[in-house]
Amino acid sequence: MSLDAAQAALDDMTSRARTKLHAYRNHNLEDEQFLRDIITEFIRAARTREPAAGAVHMALSLYRLADQQDRIAELEDALDMRDKALELMFKFSDEGNQ
């Protein structure tokens, strides 16, 4: 399996999983039931796919999770910096109005 094909397959799986997760939540089903069902689905799929496909997709998933966590941390830092700047701006504004 090529890396491009694996990325495309993972994109497709992620899209389908998000759609399914939203459907579960819209029907007031627990995330745990979604996880159980998707694990069962993955086990079934693993039996019909080439053995290395699961390992490739797992490696890509871990890469994406790590990358997304880095991006989230950067966004949290930027939001924190923005909040501190706004707090300081309002403090100066309040002091100027007194």
C-alpha atoms as a PDB file:
ATOM      1  CA  MET A   1       0.000   0.000   0.000  1.00  0.00           C
ATOM      2  CA  SER A   2       1.442   3.356  -1.002  1.00  0.00           C
ATOM      3  CA  LEU A   3       1.613   6.168   1.515  1.00  0.00           C
ATOM      4  CA  ASP A   4      -0.711   8.345  -0.595  1.00  0.00           C
ATOM      5  CA  ALA A   5      -3.257   5.547  -0.827  1.00  0.00           C
ATOM      6  CA  ALA A   6      -2.986   4.923   2.908  1.00  0.00           C
ATOM      7  CA  GLN A   7      -3.507   8.635   3.631  1.00  0.00           C
ATOM      8  CA  ALA A   8      -6.579   8.673   1.372  1.00  0.00           C
ATOM      9  CA  ALA A   9      -7.939   5.525   3.000  1.00  0.00           C
ATOM     10  CA  LEU A  10      -7.400   7.024   6.454  1.00  0.00           C
ATOM     11  CA  ASP A  11      -9.146  10.235   5.370  1.00  0.00           C
ATOM     12  CA  ASP A  12     -12.094   8.152   4.194  1.00  0.00           C
ATOM     13  CA  MET A  13     -12.179   6.076   7.388  1.00  0.00           C
ATOM     14  CA  THR A  14     -11.999   9.222   9.512  1.00  0.00           C
ATOM     15  CA  SER A  15     -14.825  10.855   7.603  1.00  0.00           C
ATOM     16  CA  ARG A  16     -17.024   7.774   7.900  1.00  0.00           C
ATOM     17  CA  ALA A  17     -16.183   7.411  11.602  1.00  0.00           C
ATOM     18  CA  ARG A  18     -17.092  11.046  12.315  1.00  0.00           C
ATOM     19  CA  THR A  19     -20.389  10.657  10.462  1.00  0.00           C
ATOM     20  CA  LYS A  20     -21.148   7.481  12.379  1.00  0.00           C
ATOM     21  CA  LEU A  21     -20.132   9.040  15.725  1.00  0.00           C
ATOM     22  CA  HIS A  22     -22.408  12.023  15.098  1.00  0.00           C
ATOM     23  CA  ALA A  23     -25.255   9.650  14.198  1.00  0.00           C
ATOM     24  CA  TYR A  24     -24.760   7.738  17.461  1.00  0.00           C
ATOM     25  CA  ARG A  25     -24.745  10.959  19.450  1.00  0.00           C
ATOM     26  CA  ASN A  26     -27.806  12.268  17.593  1.00  0.00           C
ATOM     27  CA  HIS A  27     -29.622   9.090  18.618  1.00  0.00           C
ATOM     28  CA  ASN A  28     -28.456   9.523  22.238  1.00  0.00           C
ATOM     29  CA  LEU A  29     -26.236   6.458  22.055  1.00  0.00           C
ATOM     30  CA  GLU A  30     -23.121   6.308  24.219  1.00  0.00           C
ATOM     31  CA  ASP A  31     -19.649   6.847  22.763  1.00  0.00           C
ATOM     32  CA  GLU A  32     -18.685   3.521  24.346  1.00  0.00           C
ATOM     33  CA  GLN A  33     -21.196   1.733  22.087  1.00  0.00           C
ATOM     34  CA  PHE A  34     -19.734   3.531  19.076  1.00  0.00           C
ATOM     35  CA  LEU A  35     -16.250   2.386  20.121  1.00  0.00           C
ATOM     36  CA  ARG A  36     -17.371  -1.212  20.588  1.00  0.00           C
ATOM     37  CA  ASP A  37     -19.053  -1.222  17.185  1.00  0.00           C
ATOM     38  CA  ILE A  38     -16.149   0.388  15.356  1.00  0.00           C
ATOM     39  CA  ILE A  39     -13.653  -1.984  16.997  1.00  0.00           C
ATOM     40  CA  THR A  40     -15.765  -4.921  15.803  1.00  0.00           C
ATOM     41  CA  GLU A  41     -15.870  -3.360  12.341  1.00  0.00           C
ATOM     42  CA  PHE A  42     -12.070  -2.972  12.309  1.00  0.00           C
ATOM     43  CA  ILE A  43     -11.531  -6.558  13.412  1.00  0.00           C
ATOM     44  CA  ARG A  44     -13.776  -7.781  10.572  1.00  0.00           C
ATOM     45  CA  ALA A  45     -12.012  -5.531   8.048  1.00  0.00           C
ATOM     46  CA  ALA A  46      -8.577  -6.707   9.210  1.00  0.00           C
ATOM     47  CA  ARG A  47      -9.499 -10.236   8.180  1.00  0.00           C
ATOM     48  CA  THR A  48     -10.078  -9.151   4.569  1.00  0.00           C
ATOM     49  CA  ARG A  49      -7.255  -6.640   4.072  1.00  0.00           C
ATOM     50  CA  GLU A  50      -3.571  -7.143   3.492  1.00  0.00           C
ATOM     51  CA  PRO A  51      -1.862  -7.683   6.867  1.00  0.00           C
ATOM     52  CA  ALA A  52       0.306  -4.562   6.745  1.00  0.00           C
ATOM     53  CA  ALA A  53      -2.611  -2.188   6.020  1.00  0.00           C
ATOM     54  CA  GLY A  54      -3.658  -2.059   9.662  1.00  0.00           C
ATOM     55  CA  ALA A  55      -0.126  -1.283  10.799  1.00  0.00           C
ATOM     56  CA  VAL A  56       0.234   1.467   8.180  1.00  0.00           C
ATOM     57  CA  HIS A  57      -3.085   3.018   9.168  1.00  0.00           C
ATOM     58  CA  MET A  58      -2.182   2.800  12.865  1.00  0.00           C
ATOM     59  CA  ALA A  59       1.140   4.542  12.247  1.00  0.00           C
ATOM     60  CA  LEU A  60      -0.589   7.274  10.213  1.00  0.00           C
ATOM     61  CA  SER A  61      -3.221   7.655  12.934  1.00  0.00           C
ATOM     62  CA  LEU A  62      -0.582   8.076  15.621  1.00  0.00           C
ATOM     63  CA  TYR A  63       1.257  10.612  13.483  1.00  0.00           C
ATOM     64  CA  ARG A  64      -1.948  12.574  12.930  1.00  0.00           C
ATOM     65  CA  LEU A  65      -2.845  12.442  16.629  1.00  0.00           C
ATOM     66  CA  ALA A  66       0.587  13.713  17.618  1.00  0.00           C
ATOM     67  CA  ASP A  67       0.445  16.455  14.982  1.00  0.00           C
ATOM     68  CA  GLN A  68      -3.064  17.514  16.033  1.00  0.00           C
ATOM     69  CA  GLN A  69      -2.028  17.616  19.696  1.00  0.00           C
ATOM     70  CA  ASP A  70       0.850  19.913  18.747  1.00  0.00           C
ATOM     71  CA  ARG A  71      -1.535  22.147  16.797  1.00  0.00           C
ATOM     72  CA  ILE A  72      -4.011  22.219  19.685  1.00  0.00           C
ATOM     73  CA  ALA A  73      -1.226  23.151  22.110  1.00  0.00           C
ATOM     74  CA  GLU A  74      -0.144  25.979  19.789  1.00  0.00           C
ATOM     75  CA  LEU A  75      -3.740  27.227  19.567  1.00  0.00           C
ATOM     76  CA  GLU A  76      -4.139  27.038  23.349  1.00  0.00           C
ATOM     77  CA  ASP A  77      -0.924  29.031  23.791  1.00  0.00           C
ATOM     78  CA  ALA A  78      -2.122  31.616  21.257  1.00  0.00           C
ATOM     79  CA  LEU A  79      -5.500  31.894  22.997  1.00  0.00           C
ATOM     80  CA  ASP A  80      -3.823  32.233  26.374  1.00  0.00           C
ATOM     81  CA  MET A  81      -1.566  34.979  25.005  1.00  0.00           C
ATOM     82  CA  ARG A  82      -4.596  36.717  23.477  1.00  0.00           C
ATOM     83  CA  ASP A  83      -6.521  36.496  26.755  1.00  0.00           C
ATOM     84  CA  LYS A  84      -3.595  37.974  28.674  1.00  0.00           C
ATOM     85  CA  ALA A  85      -3.229  40.790  26.123  1.00  0.00           C
ATOM     86  CA  LEU A  86      -6.955  41.573  26.335  1.00  0.00           C
ATOM     87  CA  GLU A  87      -6.828  41.503  30.118  1.00  0.00           C
ATOM     88  CA  LEU A  88      -3.913  43.941  30.083  1.00  0.00           C
ATOM     89  CA  MET A  89      -5.650  46.156  27.521  1.00  0.00           C
ATOM     90  CA  PHE A  90      -8.814  46.318  29.633  1.00  0.00           C
ATOM     91  CA  LYS A  91      -6.755  47.002  32.753  1.00  0.00           C
ATOM     92  CA  PHE A  92      -5.052  49.953  31.028  1.00  0.00           C
ATOM     93  CA  SER A  93      -8.418  51.126  29.701  1.00  0.00           C
ATOM     94  CA  ASP A  94      -9.969  50.974  33.155  1.00  0.00           C
ATOM     95  CA  GLU A  95      -7.021  52.829  34.685  1.00  0.00           C
ATOM     96  CA  GLY A  96      -7.253  55.501  31.966  1.00  0.00           C
ATOM     97  CA  ASN A  97     -10.952  56.017  32.684  1.00  0.00           C
ATOM     98  CA  GLN A  98     -10.402  56.630  36.389  1.00  0.00           C
END
